[in-house]
Amino acid sequence: MIHVVVADSSAVVRSVLKEIILKTKKLEWIGEAVSYSSLNSIIDELKPELIISKKSFFDSERITAIADYCHNVSIPTIVYYEKGDDHNYNSSNVKFVEQPEFINFSAQRMEEYAEYLEQLAYDIKRTTLFENHPASIVPSVNEDGTVVVPLKSVAKTYSENKFKAVLVGVSTGGPSALLELLKGIGKDFPLPILITQHIDSFFDKNLITWLCTETHVPVHLAENNIKPLAGHVYFAPSDVHLTLIPHPEDDFHIILNHEAPVNFLRPSVDKMFSSAASVFGKNCIAVILTGMGSDGAKECLHLKELGAYTITQDESSCVIYGMPKAAYELGGACEVLPLNLIAERLWNLTGKRV
């Protein structure tokens, strides 16, 4: 459980956030701060592991309060800002999120937002994304010395597919999982790999640089209207959907999409998978890795129904078995695999290497 303090001068906002937190399974409301001047004493008394607040909470104290807080805070913090407000502050421990209209939330919307807030909390708690990362989450040899069971053969019906891309959706636990996956895939993979990872803008470029260095695979922050190259990896930028469109000369292009968040998420795995379904139909491979929530599950099932090959990571190798579980339970997985076998399966499906 993550112990949470809500800090806001509005009793209505504090009450709504408390109600949302109480609907989650892994967040625990432990108290509130009603003024900026009382925040430090509340922190000392309650020792929260996460603070949820609003930018106006700090601005009401003084104009520099939020900048000072971002510079000095060691406790992971979610700060809501109003649409159009300036929130250009860099901090590894503070995530700025546009404030939804809590007052208009229905009961169902409240439940959905509780799940989103839970994921948000876990993601910000993992801001040290590039430290203590394991080279492999699941060993290739079991503890008793036996070799991991080899892959089963793929149904012959998929031999007719002309796969054009691999699409990967991932969230909490993503950096270390992607490290293993890309190391396993290696250089000269015959398809482009498109990744939607839920990540703060503070980290997206750092994650790409880190993965390039560790894996020696060409990894890029996706750009608008480009043709993805085989063997290259393209990440959805923070707060932008990565989608695809057909192209008369280059087969297909990446389009960066600024449409509304899907279930509070932008970039959204469902958004990427949905566009892939329109462009590729059965001729793509979809992978859902570790992450909280259910992003990607609905459209993973859609891709499977079209005849695409879909893979979900197994529970034992996930940091958070949320997204893969949701896709599997919905019936969207052609195959469930431990992380360390997914790269081999991807090569196997291309027919280029077993």
Protein backbone atom coordinates (compact mmCIF):
# COMPACT_ATOMS: atom_id res chain seq x y z
CA MET A 1 0.00 0.00 0.00
CA ILE A 2 1.13 3.55 -0.79
CA HIS A 3 0.27 5.99 2.01
CA VAL A 4 -1.21 9.18 0.54
CA VAL A 5 -1.73 12.71 1.88
CA VAL A 6 -4.04 15.07 -0.03
CA ALA A 7 -2.99 18.73 0.15
CA ASP A 8 -5.51 21.32 -0.99
CA SER A 9 -7.34 24.32 0.40
CA SER A 10 -10.64 23.21 -1.14
CA ALA A 11 -12.68 20.88 1.07
CA VAL A 12 -14.58 19.66 -2.01
CA VAL A 13 -11.41 18.63 -3.86
CA ARG A 14 -10.01 16.97 -0.74
CA SER A 15 -13.26 15.05 -0.26
CA VAL A 16 -13.44 13.86 -3.88
CA LEU A 17 -9.81 12.77 -3.93
CA LYS A 18 -10.26 10.94 -0.64
CA GLU A 19 -13.28 9.10 -2.07
CA ILE A 20 -11.29 8.13 -5.18
CA ILE A 21 -8.33 6.93 -3.12
CA LEU A 22 -10.62 4.82 -0.93
CA LYS A 23 -11.86 3.05 -4.09
CA THR A 24 -8.34 1.89 -5.00
CA LYS A 25 -6.74 -1.32 -3.82
CA LYS A 26 -3.15 -0.15 -3.42
CA LEU A 27 -3.45 3.43 -2.18
CA GLU A 28 -4.30 4.34 1.42
CA TRP A 29 -5.53 7.78 2.45
CA ILE A 30 -3.78 8.76 5.69
CA GLY A 31 -4.59 12.45 6.06
CA GLU A 32 -4.77 15.91 4.51
CA ALA A 33 -3.16 19.33 4.58
CA VAL A 34 -5.51 22.29 4.25
CA SER A 35 -2.84 24.98 3.81
CA TYR A 36 0.67 25.27 2.44
CA SER A 37 1.96 26.43 5.83
CA SER A 38 0.73 23.20 7.47
CA LEU A 39 2.14 20.84 4.81
CA ASN A 40 5.57 20.31 6.36
CA SER A 41 4.19 19.48 9.78
CA ILE A 42 1.70 17.03 8.22
CA ILE A 43 4.57 15.37 6.32
CA ASP A 44 6.64 15.08 9.50
CA GLU A 45 3.70 13.66 11.43
CA LEU A 46 2.19 11.23 8.91
CA LYS A 47 5.26 10.38 6.78
CA PRO A 48 3.36 9.91 3.50
CA GLU A 49 4.80 8.02 0.54
CA LEU A 50 2.84 10.13 -1.94
CA ILE A 51 1.33 13.62 -1.90
CA ILE A 52 -1.51 14.72 -4.17
CA SER A 53 -2.06 18.45 -4.51
CA LYS A 54 -2.93 21.31 -6.89
CA LYS A 55 -0.70 24.01 -8.36
CA SER A 56 -3.07 26.68 -7.00
CA PHE A 57 -2.39 25.29 -3.50
CA PHE A 58 1.22 26.47 -3.85
CA ASP A 59 0.45 29.63 -5.86
CA SER A 60 -1.81 30.91 -3.09
CA GLU A 61 1.24 30.99 -0.80
CA ARG A 62 3.58 32.81 -3.20
CA ILE A 63 4.39 32.66 -6.88
CA THR A 64 7.71 30.88 -6.33
CA ALA A 65 6.37 28.25 -3.91
CA ILE A 66 5.79 25.56 -6.56
CA ALA A 67 9.28 26.01 -8.03
CA ASP A 68 10.82 25.78 -4.55
CA TYR A 69 8.78 22.68 -3.80
CA CYS A 70 9.82 20.97 -7.05
CA HIS A 71 13.45 21.70 -6.32
CA ASN A 72 13.43 20.46 -2.73
CA VAL A 73 10.80 17.72 -2.42
CA SER A 74 11.92 14.12 -1.94
CA ILE A 75 8.41 12.65 -1.65
CA PRO A 76 6.72 11.65 -4.93
CA THR A 77 3.99 14.21 -5.64
CA ILE A 78 1.14 14.53 -8.13
CA VAL A 79 0.26 18.16 -8.82
CA TYR A 80 -2.91 19.03 -10.72
CA TYR A 81 -2.98 22.14 -12.88
CA GLU A 82 -5.87 23.83 -14.65
CA LYS A 83 -6.05 23.64 -18.44
CA GLY A 84 -3.90 26.36 -20.00
CA ASP A 85 -1.94 27.00 -16.82
CA ASP A 86 1.85 27.27 -16.96
CA HIS A 87 3.44 24.25 -15.28
CA ASN A 88 6.91 24.07 -16.84
CA TYR A 89 8.84 22.79 -13.85
CA ASN A 90 11.26 19.88 -14.06
CA SER A 91 11.43 17.53 -11.11
CA SER A 92 12.05 13.82 -10.93
CA ASN A 93 9.66 13.60 -7.97
CA VAL A 94 6.76 15.73 -9.19
CA LYS A 95 4.32 14.79 -11.96
CA PHE A 96 2.03 17.51 -13.31
CA VAL A 97 -1.38 16.31 -14.46
CA GLU A 98 -4.20 18.34 -16.01
CA GLN A 99 -7.05 18.47 -13.51
CA PRO A 100 -10.24 16.71 -14.62
CA GLU A 101 -13.68 18.04 -13.72
CA PHE A 102 -14.04 16.03 -10.53
CA ILE A 103 -17.34 17.71 -9.71
CA ASN A 104 -18.95 16.15 -12.82
CA PHE A 105 -17.71 12.60 -12.24
CA SER A 106 -20.33 9.88 -12.38
CA ALA A 107 -19.98 6.80 -10.17
CA GLN A 108 -18.55 4.84 -13.11
CA ARG A 109 -16.13 7.63 -13.97
CA MET A 110 -15.03 7.68 -10.34
CA GLU A 111 -14.20 3.96 -10.53
CA GLU A 112 -12.27 4.44 -13.77
CA TYR A 113 -10.34 7.37 -12.35
CA ALA A 114 -9.47 5.40 -9.22
CA GLU A 115 -7.73 2.83 -11.43
CA TYR A 116 -5.94 5.57 -13.36
CA LEU A 117 -4.81 7.34 -10.18
CA GLU A 118 -3.47 4.07 -8.81
CA GLN A 119 -1.37 3.57 -11.92
CA LEU A 120 -0.21 7.18 -11.81
CA ALA A 121 0.89 6.74 -8.20
CA TYR A 122 2.91 3.62 -8.97
CA ASP A 123 4.50 5.19 -12.03
CA ILE A 124 5.72 8.22 -10.12
CA LYS A 125 6.96 5.98 -7.31
CA ARG A 126 9.18 4.39 -9.94
CA THR A 127 10.84 7.58 -11.11
CA THR A 128 14.26 6.04 -10.53
CA LEU A 129 13.59 4.16 -13.76
CA PHE A 130 17.19 3.66 -14.71
CA GLU A 131 18.59 2.50 -11.38
CA ASN A 132 18.77 -1.04 -10.02
CA HIS A 133 17.39 -2.41 -13.25
CA PRO A 134 17.79 -6.16 -13.63
CA ALA A 135 19.45 -7.49 -16.77
CA SER A 136 16.72 -10.09 -16.81
CA ILE A 137 13.56 -10.49 -14.79
CA VAL A 138 13.11 -14.16 -15.59
CA PRO A 139 16.23 -16.35 -15.84
CA SER A 140 16.65 -18.64 -18.85
CA VAL A 141 17.59 -21.47 -16.47
CA ASN A 142 15.40 -22.53 -13.57
CA GLU A 143 16.68 -22.57 -10.01
CA ASP A 144 16.98 -26.36 -10.10
CA GLY A 145 19.22 -26.16 -13.14
CA THR A 146 16.65 -27.28 -15.70
CA VAL A 147 16.23 -25.31 -18.90
CA VAL A 148 13.11 -23.24 -19.43
CA VAL A 149 10.51 -25.07 -21.53
CA PRO A 150 10.98 -24.18 -25.21
CA LEU A 151 8.36 -22.36 -27.23
CA LYS A 152 5.44 -24.27 -28.63
CA SER A 153 4.88 -24.22 -32.37
CA VAL A 154 2.63 -21.50 -33.75
CA ALA A 155 -0.58 -22.53 -35.50
CA LYS A 156 -0.07 -22.87 -39.26
CA THR A 157 -2.78 -20.32 -39.97
CA TYR A 158 -0.37 -17.56 -38.94
CA SER A 159 2.17 -18.63 -41.59
CA GLU A 160 -0.04 -16.81 -44.10
CA ASN A 161 0.38 -13.49 -42.29
CA LYS A 162 2.75 -10.96 -43.81
CA PHE A 163 3.73 -9.19 -40.62
CA LYS A 164 4.65 -5.54 -41.10
CA ALA A 165 5.29 -4.31 -37.54
CA VAL A 166 5.50 -5.23 -33.87
CA LEU A 167 3.41 -3.09 -31.49
CA VAL A 168 4.26 -3.06 -27.79
CA GLY A 169 2.17 -1.62 -24.95
CA VAL A 170 3.75 -1.28 -21.51
CA SER A 171 3.50 0.77 -18.33
CA THR A 172 4.71 0.24 -14.77
CA GLY A 173 7.90 -1.84 -14.78
CA GLY A 174 8.44 -1.02 -18.43
CA PRO A 175 12.07 0.15 -18.58
CA SER A 176 13.60 -3.08 -17.25
CA ALA A 177 11.14 -5.21 -19.26
CA LEU A 178 11.94 -3.32 -22.45
CA LEU A 179 15.65 -3.63 -21.73
CA GLU A 180 15.37 -7.41 -21.67
CA LEU A 181 13.06 -7.55 -24.68
CA LEU A 182 15.27 -5.37 -26.89
CA LYS A 183 18.45 -7.14 -25.79
CA GLY A 184 16.80 -10.41 -26.78
CA ILE A 185 15.70 -9.05 -30.14
CA GLY A 186 19.10 -7.54 -30.94
CA LYS A 187 20.15 -5.91 -34.20
CA ASP A 188 18.73 -6.37 -37.69
CA PHE A 189 15.22 -7.40 -36.68
CA PRO A 190 13.19 -7.54 -39.93
CA LEU A 191 10.27 -5.41 -38.68
CA PRO A 192 9.90 -1.96 -37.08
CA ILE A 193 8.93 -2.01 -33.39
CA LEU A 194 6.48 0.64 -32.15
CA ILE A 195 6.15 1.17 -28.40
CA THR A 196 3.63 3.00 -26.27
CA GLN A 197 5.05 3.31 -22.75
CA HIS A 198 3.21 5.34 -20.13
CA ILE A 199 5.97 7.69 -19.01
CA ASP A 200 6.47 11.26 -17.83
CA SER A 201 8.01 13.74 -20.28
CA PHE A 202 10.84 14.16 -17.79
CA PHE A 203 12.01 10.65 -18.65
CA ASP A 204 11.10 9.81 -22.24
CA LYS A 205 14.31 11.07 -23.87
CA ASN A 206 16.42 9.66 -21.02
CA LEU A 207 14.77 6.27 -21.41
CA ILE A 208 15.54 6.21 -25.13
CA THR A 209 19.17 7.19 -24.62
CA TRP A 210 19.53 4.55 -21.91
CA LEU A 211 18.00 1.78 -24.04
CA CYS A 212 20.19 2.71 -27.02
CA THR A 213 23.30 2.50 -24.86
CA GLU A 214 22.35 -0.73 -23.11
CA THR A 215 20.96 -2.68 -26.09
CA HIS A 216 22.85 -1.23 -29.09
CA VAL A 217 19.53 -1.25 -30.95
CA PRO A 218 18.48 1.97 -32.77
CA VAL A 219 15.77 3.48 -30.54
CA HIS A 220 14.02 6.75 -31.39
CA LEU A 221 11.41 9.13 -30.07
CA ALA A 222 8.81 8.88 -32.83
CA GLU A 223 8.44 11.83 -35.19
CA ASN A 224 5.37 12.79 -37.15
CA ASN A 225 4.72 11.45 -40.65
CA ILE A 226 7.78 9.21 -40.95
CA LYS A 227 8.17 5.74 -42.41
CA PRO A 228 9.35 3.35 -39.64
CA LEU A 229 12.42 1.34 -40.60
CA ALA A 230 12.92 -2.38 -40.02
CA GLY A 231 15.09 -3.11 -37.00
CA HIS A 232 14.39 0.31 -35.47
CA VAL A 233 12.35 1.04 -32.35
CA TYR A 234 9.99 4.03 -32.09
CA PHE A 235 8.51 5.35 -28.83
CA ALA A 236 5.36 7.41 -28.49
CA PRO A 237 6.42 10.80 -27.05
CA SER A 238 5.03 11.76 -23.67
CA ASP A 239 1.45 13.05 -23.82
CA VAL A 240 1.05 12.16 -27.54
CA HIS A 241 -0.70 9.18 -29.12
CA LEU A 242 1.35 7.14 -31.59
CA THR A 243 -0.91 6.12 -34.46
CA LEU A 244 -0.47 4.81 -38.01
CA ILE A 245 -1.89 5.61 -41.43
CA PRO A 246 -1.52 3.90 -44.81
CA HIS A 247 0.82 5.57 -47.29
CA PRO A 248 0.68 5.15 -51.07
CA GLU A 249 4.46 4.99 -51.50
CA ASP A 250 5.89 3.85 -48.14
CA ASP A 251 3.17 1.38 -47.10
CA PHE A 252 2.50 3.16 -43.78
CA HIS A 253 3.62 6.16 -41.74
CA ILE A 254 3.64 7.13 -38.06
CA ILE A 255 1.26 9.95 -37.17
CA LEU A 256 1.57 11.68 -33.80
CA ASN A 257 -1.93 12.32 -32.56
CA HIS A 258 -2.95 14.96 -29.99
CA GLU A 259 -6.56 13.85 -29.63
CA ALA A 260 -8.13 13.53 -26.19
CA PRO A 261 -6.76 10.96 -23.72
CA VAL A 262 -8.30 7.50 -23.84
CA ASN A 263 -9.39 6.50 -20.32
CA PHE A 264 -7.22 9.35 -19.00
CA LEU A 265 -4.16 8.08 -20.90
CA ARG A 266 -2.16 9.79 -23.61
CA PRO A 267 -0.30 8.08 -25.16
CA SER A 268 -2.74 5.18 -25.17
CA VAL A 269 -1.95 1.58 -26.10
CA ASP A 270 -5.56 1.11 -27.22
CA LYS A 271 -5.20 4.11 -29.55
CA MET A 272 -2.05 2.65 -31.14
CA PHE A 273 -3.56 -0.84 -31.48
CA SER A 274 -6.78 0.57 -32.97
CA SER A 275 -4.93 2.44 -35.70
CA ALA A 276 -2.80 -0.66 -36.37
CA ALA A 277 -5.98 -2.69 -36.83
CA SER A 278 -7.12 -0.26 -39.53
CA VAL A 279 -3.76 -0.18 -41.33
CA PHE A 280 -2.47 -3.75 -40.92
CA GLY A 281 -5.45 -5.94 -40.10
CA LYS A 282 -4.01 -9.38 -39.37
CA ASN A 283 -0.50 -8.47 -40.54
CA CYS A 284 0.95 -7.24 -37.26
CA ILE A 285 2.12 -8.59 -33.91
CA ALA A 286 0.84 -7.01 -30.69
CA VAL A 287 2.58 -7.44 -27.33
CA ILE A 288 1.34 -6.30 -23.92
CA LEU A 289 3.95 -6.18 -21.17
CA THR A 290 3.91 -5.34 -17.47
CA GLY A 291 1.72 -2.45 -16.33
CA MET A 292 -1.16 -1.41 -14.13
CA GLY A 293 -4.66 -0.98 -15.47
CA SER A 294 -6.25 -2.32 -18.64
CA ASP A 295 -4.93 -0.10 -21.43
CA GLY A 296 -4.56 -2.12 -24.63
CA ALA A 297 -6.85 -5.00 -23.64
CA LYS A 298 -9.87 -4.03 -25.75
CA GLU A 299 -7.94 -3.40 -28.95
CA CYS A 300 -5.65 -6.38 -28.37
CA LEU A 301 -8.76 -8.54 -28.57
CA HIS A 302 -9.82 -6.68 -31.72
CA LEU A 303 -6.45 -7.40 -33.36
CA LYS A 304 -6.66 -11.06 -32.40
CA GLU A 305 -10.14 -11.30 -33.90
CA LEU A 306 -8.76 -9.84 -37.14
CA GLY A 307 -6.13 -12.59 -37.21
CA ALA A 308 -3.11 -10.70 -35.87
CA TYR A 309 -0.77 -12.50 -33.46
CA THR A 310 -1.07 -11.24 -29.89
CA ILE A 311 1.21 -11.95 -26.92
CA THR A 312 0.74 -11.09 -23.26
CA GLN A 313 3.48 -11.31 -20.64
CA ASP A 314 2.89 -13.93 -17.95
CA GLU A 315 2.19 -13.05 -14.33
CA SER A 316 5.42 -14.39 -12.83
CA SER A 317 7.66 -12.13 -14.93
CA CYS A 318 5.56 -8.94 -14.56
CA VAL A 319 6.30 -6.18 -12.09
CA ILE A 320 2.57 -5.38 -12.18
CA TYR A 321 0.26 -7.99 -13.73
CA GLY A 322 -2.46 -5.58 -14.75
CA MET A 323 -2.45 -4.77 -18.47
CA PRO A 324 -1.44 -8.29 -19.61
CA LYS A 325 -3.99 -9.84 -17.26
CA ALA A 326 -6.78 -7.61 -18.57
CA ALA A 327 -5.99 -8.56 -22.18
CA TYR A 328 -5.72 -12.25 -21.34
CA GLU A 329 -8.95 -12.37 -19.34
CA LEU A 330 -10.78 -10.57 -22.15
CA GLY A 331 -9.62 -13.31 -24.53
CA GLY A 332 -7.14 -11.14 -26.40
CA ALA A 333 -4.01 -13.30 -26.12
CA CYS A 334 -2.96 -15.83 -28.75
CA GLU A 335 -0.14 -16.75 -26.38
CA VAL A 336 1.02 -16.00 -22.83
CA LEU A 337 4.80 -15.99 -22.43
CA PRO A 338 7.42 -15.18 -19.79
CA LEU A 339 9.39 -12.08 -20.68
CA ASN A 340 12.56 -13.95 -21.59
CA LEU A 341 10.82 -15.94 -24.35
CA ILE A 342 9.02 -13.09 -26.11
CA ALA A 343 12.01 -11.97 -28.21
CA GLU A 344 12.52 -15.52 -29.47
CA ARG A 345 8.84 -15.75 -30.40
CA LEU A 346 9.01 -12.48 -32.33
CA TRP A 347 11.91 -13.76 -34.41
CA ASN A 348 10.08 -17.06 -34.85
CA LEU A 349 6.99 -15.31 -36.19
CA THR A 350 8.98 -13.38 -38.81
CA GLY A 351 10.34 -16.66 -40.17
CA LYS A 352 13.83 -15.16 -40.30
CA ARG A 353 15.35 -16.94 -37.32
CA VAL A 354 14.26 -19.58 -34.82
